[in-house]
Structure formats: C-alpha cells, structure tokens
C-alpha cells in the first residue's frame, strides 16, 4: 500500500528551502513546478518512500487571511464527494468547497476541530503516468495543475505551465 497523506509546507523562500532540504536532509527531487517568472510554485521531494510537497507562503487574502498555517496536510481520497459530505456533517469548517480542478483532481479544503488545515482530493503524487512539467506559456499547450495546487493552498501562486505529455 502506498502513502496517501502528505505534508504540504509553506516557505517564505521556496528556492532556498529546496536546496536546503536536498543538501541537509538528503531529499531527492520528484517534481518542481515553476511559474513563468522562474519561481517555484510547487515542489515534491522524496525521502525514502516518503514525499513532501511545498511552495511559497500564499499571498492572496482568500488563502492567507492570517490563518494559513506553515503546514497543510493533503490527503488522497477515492470518494471526494462522500468524504466532503461526511466532513461537513461531522462539523468540519469547509474553507474551500468541493471543486473539479483543471488538472483532474476533485477536492476541497477544511479545518479540523483544532483549526488544522486539510486539503483532500483525488490528486495523487504517486500516480502512474505523472507528467513532468516545465515552465512555458504557449496557449495551446497549457497545463493548469499548478493553478489548482495554488487554489488548494498547497503552493504560493498560480501559474500556467506546459505539460510535456501534451506536446
């Protein structure tokens, strides 16, 4: 069985964090998604069988409103609709409604009884056939995965990136 719960960290300087985590803790890059400006929007690093995701600290009021924690938990769920209904019925504070993301995930975000921030959806960093993403801006080859990760609070800014699988 592979993992389905991933910490998603928020760094003020994701570029420095990337190098520090690799050099100091021995993480290996799985994926680094950069915006058109070259800045890291979302990164996935492996350590053994584990994986962390990170990006910058969100800057828009919708996500940050002085309540965005330095760590978000992302969980892969097979039935996001059922999970969403259960969370709502159980009293979770829904902070982002259930939505289909342009990169294929169906997900929502909520706070638990202690205020911890959770994003739950079908995006799976370990899924087979995951495409490598590189920075680009050609309108006919857009990959909106980074934008969805941004809206989920997993990375700092939305960006448009090209997917090699769509070339």
Protein backbone atom coordinates (compact mmCIF):
# COMPACT_ATOMS: atom_id res chain seq x y z
CA UNK A 1 0.00 0.00 0.00
CA UNK A 2 1.41 3.39 -0.92
CA UNK A 3 1.05 6.57 1.17
CA UNK A 4 -1.99 8.78 0.74
CA UNK A 5 -1.30 11.54 3.28
CA UNK A 6 1.32 14.18 2.51
CA UNK A 7 2.54 17.21 4.44
CA UNK A 8 2.46 20.39 2.35
CA UNK A 9 4.83 23.01 3.70
CA UNK A 10 4.81 26.77 3.04
CA UNK A 11 8.15 28.59 2.85
CA UNK A 12 8.88 32.31 2.53
CA UNK A 13 11.83 31.35 0.28
CA UNK A 14 10.99 28.09 -1.51
CA UNK A 15 14.18 28.15 -3.61
CA UNK A 16 16.39 28.19 -0.52
CA UNK A 17 14.18 25.55 1.12
CA UNK A 18 14.56 23.28 -1.94
CA UNK A 19 18.34 23.40 -1.82
CA UNK A 20 18.48 23.15 1.97
CA UNK A 21 16.18 20.11 2.12
CA UNK A 22 18.19 18.34 -0.58
CA UNK A 23 21.61 19.19 0.85
CA UNK A 24 20.89 18.97 4.57
CA UNK A 25 18.22 16.26 4.85
CA UNK A 26 19.05 14.31 1.69
CA UNK A 27 15.72 14.71 -0.13
CA UNK A 28 15.55 13.92 -3.87
CA UNK A 29 13.51 15.97 -6.32
CA UNK A 30 10.45 14.25 -7.73
CA UNK A 31 8.99 17.36 -9.37
CA UNK A 32 9.50 21.11 -9.28
CA UNK A 33 6.89 23.32 -10.96
CA UNK A 34 7.96 26.88 -11.72
CA UNK A 35 5.98 29.88 -12.82
CA UNK A 36 6.74 31.95 -15.90
CA UNK A 37 8.95 34.08 -13.65
CA UNK A 38 11.05 31.01 -12.75
CA UNK A 39 9.93 30.95 -9.11
CA UNK A 40 8.91 27.67 -7.50
CA UNK A 41 5.14 27.31 -7.42
CA UNK A 42 5.01 23.72 -6.15
CA UNK A 43 7.66 21.11 -5.41
CA UNK A 44 7.56 17.44 -4.48
CA UNK A 45 10.56 15.87 -2.75
CA UNK A 46 11.16 12.24 -1.80
CA UNK A 47 12.98 10.81 1.18
CA UNK A 48 12.89 7.03 1.01
CA UNK A 49 9.27 6.05 0.39
CA UNK A 50 8.01 9.34 1.83
CA UNK A 51 7.10 12.50 -0.03
CA UNK A 52 6.57 16.12 0.97
CA UNK A 53 5.07 18.92 -1.09
CA UNK A 54 5.80 22.60 -0.68
CA UNK A 55 5.57 26.04 -2.15
CA UNK A 56 5.71 29.63 -1.01
CA UNK A 57 3.52 31.30 1.57
CA UNK A 58 0.18 32.24 -0.07
CA UNK A 59 -0.14 35.96 -0.63
CA UNK A 60 -3.78 36.42 -1.58
CA UNK A 61 -6.34 37.25 1.08
CA UNK A 62 -8.57 34.28 0.27
CA UNK A 63 -5.93 31.76 1.31
CA UNK A 64 -3.82 33.64 3.78
CA UNK A 65 -6.18 35.88 5.79
CA UNK A 66 -3.67 35.48 8.61
CA UNK A 67 -4.88 31.92 9.09
CA UNK A 68 -2.76 30.00 6.58
CA UNK A 69 -0.58 27.67 8.63
CA UNK A 70 3.03 26.82 7.74
CA UNK A 71 1.93 23.20 7.15
CA UNK A 72 -1.13 21.83 5.38
CA UNK A 73 -1.99 18.16 5.26
CA UNK A 74 -3.01 16.84 1.84
CA UNK A 75 -4.84 13.51 1.75
CA UNK A 76 -5.71 11.45 -1.30
CA UNK A 77 -9.27 10.16 -1.06
CA UNK A 78 -11.02 7.86 -3.53
CA UNK A 79 -14.52 9.33 -3.00
CA UNK A 80 -14.15 13.09 -2.52
CA UNK A 81 -17.91 13.69 -2.66
CA UNK A 82 -18.64 11.19 0.09
CA UNK A 83 -15.69 12.41 2.13
CA UNK A 84 -16.81 16.03 1.76
CA UNK A 85 -20.35 15.19 2.94
CA UNK A 86 -19.01 13.25 5.91
CA UNK A 87 -16.67 16.11 6.88
CA UNK A 88 -19.46 18.70 6.59
CA UNK A 89 -21.86 16.54 8.63
CA UNK A 90 -19.14 15.99 11.24
CA UNK A 91 -18.67 19.72 11.78
CA UNK A 92 -15.52 20.41 9.78
CA UNK A 93 -15.15 24.06 8.77
CA UNK A 94 -15.20 23.93 4.97
CA UNK A 95 -12.81 26.63 3.73
CA UNK A 96 -12.83 25.66 0.05
CA UNK A 97 -15.88 23.98 -1.46
CA UNK A 98 -15.65 20.72 -3.38
CA UNK A 99 -14.49 21.52 -6.91
CA UNK A 100 -13.18 19.84 -10.03
CA UNK A 101 -9.70 21.19 -10.71
CA UNK A 102 -8.44 21.80 -14.26
CA UNK A 103 -5.59 19.35 -13.62
CA UNK A 104 -8.01 16.49 -12.97
CA UNK A 105 -8.38 16.38 -9.19
CA UNK A 106 -11.70 16.73 -7.39
CA UNK A 107 -11.02 18.25 -3.98
CA UNK A 108 -11.95 20.50 -1.10
CA UNK A 109 -10.26 22.07 1.93
CA UNK A 110 -11.37 22.15 5.55
CA UNK A 111 -10.19 22.94 9.05
CA UNK A 112 -10.42 20.26 11.72
CA UNK A 113 -11.65 20.73 15.30
CA UNK A 114 -8.34 22.36 16.32
CA UNK A 115 -8.07 24.59 13.24
CA UNK A 116 -5.54 22.49 11.29
CA UNK A 117 -5.81 22.99 7.51
CA UNK A 118 -6.53 19.92 5.37
CA UNK A 119 -6.88 19.60 1.58
CA UNK A 120 -8.48 16.36 0.42
CA UNK A 121 -8.88 15.17 -3.15
CA UNK A 122 -8.04 12.74 -5.89
CA UNK A 123 -4.65 14.20 -6.95
CA UNK A 124 -2.07 11.51 -6.17
CA UNK A 125 1.63 12.43 -6.31
CA UNK A 126 2.47 8.71 -6.65
CA UNK A 127 0.07 8.07 -9.55
CA UNK A 128 1.43 6.26 -12.57
CA UNK A 129 1.98 8.37 -15.66
CA UNK A 130 2.54 11.62 -13.77
CA UNK A 131 3.81 14.14 -16.30
CA UNK A 132 6.93 16.21 -15.88
CA UNK A 133 6.03 19.87 -16.03
CA UNK A 134 8.24 22.68 -17.23
CA UNK A 135 7.74 26.43 -17.46
CA UNK A 136 6.15 27.77 -20.60
CA UNK A 137 3.37 29.94 -21.87
CA UNK A 138 2.09 28.71 -25.25
CA UNK A 139 -1.72 28.93 -25.01
CA UNK A 140 -2.35 25.74 -26.98
CA UNK A 141 -0.26 23.66 -24.54
CA UNK A 142 -1.46 24.87 -21.15
CA UNK A 143 -1.35 22.69 -18.08
CA UNK A 144 -3.38 24.19 -15.23
CA UNK A 145 -2.21 21.81 -12.50
CA UNK A 146 -0.15 24.49 -10.74
CA UNK A 147 -3.16 26.81 -10.58
CA UNK A 148 -5.20 24.14 -8.87
CA UNK A 149 -2.44 23.45 -6.35
CA UNK A 150 -2.30 27.17 -5.64
CA UNK A 151 -6.04 27.37 -5.01
CA UNK A 152 -5.79 24.32 -2.75
CA UNK A 153 -3.32 26.23 -0.59
CA UNK A 154 -0.52 23.80 -1.44
CA UNK A 155 1.65 26.27 -3.32
CA UNK A 156 2.04 30.02 -3.28
CA UNK A 157 0.95 31.36 -6.66
CA UNK A 158 -0.98 30.17 -9.63
CA UNK A 159 0.91 29.81 -12.85
CA UNK A 160 0.41 28.32 -16.25
CA UNK A 161 2.83 25.58 -17.16
CA UNK A 162 3.22 23.30 -20.15
CA UNK A 163 2.92 19.55 -19.82
CA UNK A 164 5.29 17.51 -21.91
CA UNK A 165 2.55 14.92 -22.33
CA UNK A 166 0.55 17.50 -24.29
CA UNK A 167 3.35 18.50 -26.68
